[in-house]
Amino acid sequence: QVQLVESGGGLVQAGGSLRLSCAVAGRTVSSCAMGWFRQAPGKEREFVAGVNRSGGSVTYADSVKGRFTISRDNAKNTMYLQMNSLQPEDTAVYYCAVDATWRYGIPTTSGAYDYWGQGTQVTVSS
């Protein structure tokens, strides 16, 4: 069974930083695009950042561009999200996702992803 485990969430003051990790067990992810999504109370789940299979291309939502950095270490089967200059509007449950369909690009819709983590809560206080 494929399992994705997020870690690194927590409570932080506005302007602070957090680093999320997503460790994947049950399959290698070197052939898979991966992404981060988030969902705040009362809002739709939204795309945050994605990285292609090799790590050579990344895509960010406009709301986080310049503040968040996505990366991956295929040798460790792990993806990361470095979040800087956090704002209260970043408060959400953050989900790690793996796209099992081989492709060159980076999907930005949740329906394209096949495996999901349980989510980790990020809370940013003002």
Protein backbone atom coordinates (compact mmCIF):
# COMPACT_ATOMS: atom_id res chain seq x y z
CA GLN A 1 0.00 0.00 0.00
CA VAL A 2 1.28 3.44 -0.91
CA GLN A 3 1.46 5.78 2.04
CA LEU A 4 2.35 9.45 2.17
CA VAL A 5 3.20 10.99 5.51
CA GLU A 6 3.42 14.75 5.93
CA SER A 7 5.31 16.35 8.76
CA GLY A 8 6.50 19.77 9.81
CA GLY A 9 3.24 21.58 10.31
CA GLY A 10 2.48 23.61 13.37
CA LEU A 11 1.72 27.01 14.80
CA VAL A 12 3.84 29.96 13.75
CA GLN A 13 3.59 33.73 13.96
CA ALA A 14 3.11 35.83 10.87
CA GLY A 15 6.42 36.31 9.13
CA GLY A 16 7.77 33.02 10.36
CA SER A 17 8.79 29.90 8.49
CA LEU A 18 7.98 26.22 8.39
CA ARG A 19 9.36 23.33 6.38
CA LEU A 20 6.99 20.55 5.42
CA SER A 21 8.16 17.09 4.45
CA CYS A 22 6.36 14.33 2.60
CA ALA A 23 7.82 10.86 2.89
CA VAL A 24 6.46 8.23 0.51
CA ALA A 25 6.43 4.52 1.28
CA GLY A 26 5.25 1.68 -0.93
CA ARG A 27 6.62 2.89 -4.23
CA THR A 28 9.39 4.98 -5.66
CA VAL A 29 8.42 8.44 -6.85
CA SER A 30 11.26 9.12 -9.24
CA SER A 31 8.88 8.70 -12.19
CA CYS A 32 6.10 10.79 -10.65
CA ALA A 33 5.19 14.42 -10.51
CA MET A 34 4.35 15.53 -6.99
CA GLY A 35 2.49 18.43 -5.52
CA TRP A 36 1.28 20.24 -2.46
CA PHE A 37 -2.32 21.30 -1.96
CA ARG A 38 -4.02 23.08 0.89
CA GLN A 39 -7.53 23.50 2.16
CA ALA A 40 -8.68 26.19 4.55
CA PRO A 41 -12.01 26.08 6.40
CA GLY A 42 -14.84 27.01 4.08
CA LYS A 43 -12.65 26.99 1.00
CA GLU A 44 -11.96 24.65 -1.87
CA ARG A 45 -8.82 22.60 -1.93
CA GLU A 46 -6.28 24.56 -3.91
CA PHE A 47 -3.02 23.88 -5.63
CA VAL A 48 0.01 25.32 -3.90
CA ALA A 49 3.12 24.01 -5.63
CA GLY A 50 4.24 21.18 -7.85
CA VAL A 51 7.43 19.61 -9.08
CA ASN A 52 8.01 17.36 -12.06
CA ARG A 53 9.49 13.90 -11.96
CA SER A 54 13.11 14.97 -12.20
CA GLY A 55 12.85 18.05 -10.02
CA GLY A 56 13.93 20.25 -12.90
CA SER A 57 10.67 22.15 -13.19
CA VAL A 58 8.45 23.69 -10.54
CA THR A 59 5.14 25.51 -10.54
CA TYR A 60 3.62 27.74 -7.85
CA ALA A 61 0.29 29.29 -7.17
CA ASP A 62 0.45 33.06 -7.50
CA SER A 63 -0.45 33.45 -3.85
CA VAL A 64 2.74 31.74 -2.66
CA LYS A 65 5.20 32.61 -5.40
CA GLY A 66 8.34 34.13 -3.97
CA ARG A 67 7.64 32.83 -0.48
CA PHE A 68 7.41 29.07 -0.86
CA THR A 69 9.94 26.70 -2.37
CA ILE A 70 9.17 23.15 -3.41
CA SER A 71 11.89 20.55 -3.81
CA ARG A 72 12.36 16.82 -3.88
CA ASP A 73 15.01 14.26 -3.11
CA ASN A 74 14.30 11.17 -5.15
CA ALA A 75 17.07 9.25 -3.41
CA LYS A 76 15.11 9.71 -0.18
CA ASN A 77 11.69 9.36 -1.82
CA THR A 78 10.74 12.62 -0.16
CA MET A 79 9.32 16.00 -1.15
CA TYR A 80 9.61 19.26 0.76
CA LEU A 81 7.90 22.60 0.97
CA GLN A 82 9.85 25.47 2.51
CA MET A 83 7.41 28.16 3.57
CA ASN A 84 8.75 31.61 4.41
CA SER A 85 7.06 34.90 5.26
CA LEU A 86 3.96 33.04 6.34
CA GLN A 87 0.72 34.98 6.56
CA PRO A 88 -2.56 34.23 8.33
CA GLU A 89 -4.16 33.46 4.98
CA ASP A 90 -1.74 30.55 4.62
CA THR A 91 -3.52 28.80 7.47
CA ALA A 92 -4.81 25.49 6.14
CA VAL A 93 -4.35 21.77 6.12
CA TYR A 94 -1.56 20.99 3.70
CA TYR A 95 -1.65 17.79 1.69
CA CYS A 96 1.08 15.99 -0.17
CA ALA A 97 0.11 14.23 -3.40
CA VAL A 98 1.70 11.92 -5.96
CA ASP A 99 0.72 11.70 -9.63
CA ALA A 100 1.17 8.09 -10.74
CA THR A 101 0.51 8.89 -14.39
CA TRP A 102 3.71 9.28 -16.32
CA ARG A 103 4.04 12.71 -17.82
CA TYR A 104 6.54 15.43 -18.45
CA GLY A 105 4.61 18.26 -16.87
CA ILE A 106 3.11 19.17 -13.52
CA PRO A 107 -0.63 18.79 -12.94
CA THR A 108 -2.29 21.58 -11.00
CA THR A 109 -5.68 19.95 -10.40
CA SER A 110 -6.35 17.56 -7.56
CA GLY A 111 -8.03 15.03 -9.86
CA ALA A 112 -4.74 14.32 -11.58
CA TYR A 113 -3.15 12.98 -8.41
CA ASP A 114 -3.54 9.40 -7.29
CA TYR A 115 -2.10 9.20 -3.80
CA TRP A 116 -2.62 11.58 -0.93
CA GLY A 117 -1.31 12.08 2.55
CA GLN A 118 -3.44 12.66 5.61
CA GLY A 119 -2.51 16.31 5.77
CA THR A 120 -0.66 18.46 8.25
CA GLN A 121 -2.09 21.55 9.90
CA VAL A 122 -0.37 24.88 9.40
CA THR A 123 -1.66 27.73 11.53
CA VAL A 124 -0.30 31.25 11.20
CA SER A 125 -1.20 33.74 13.89
CA SER A 126 -1.29 37.48 13.34
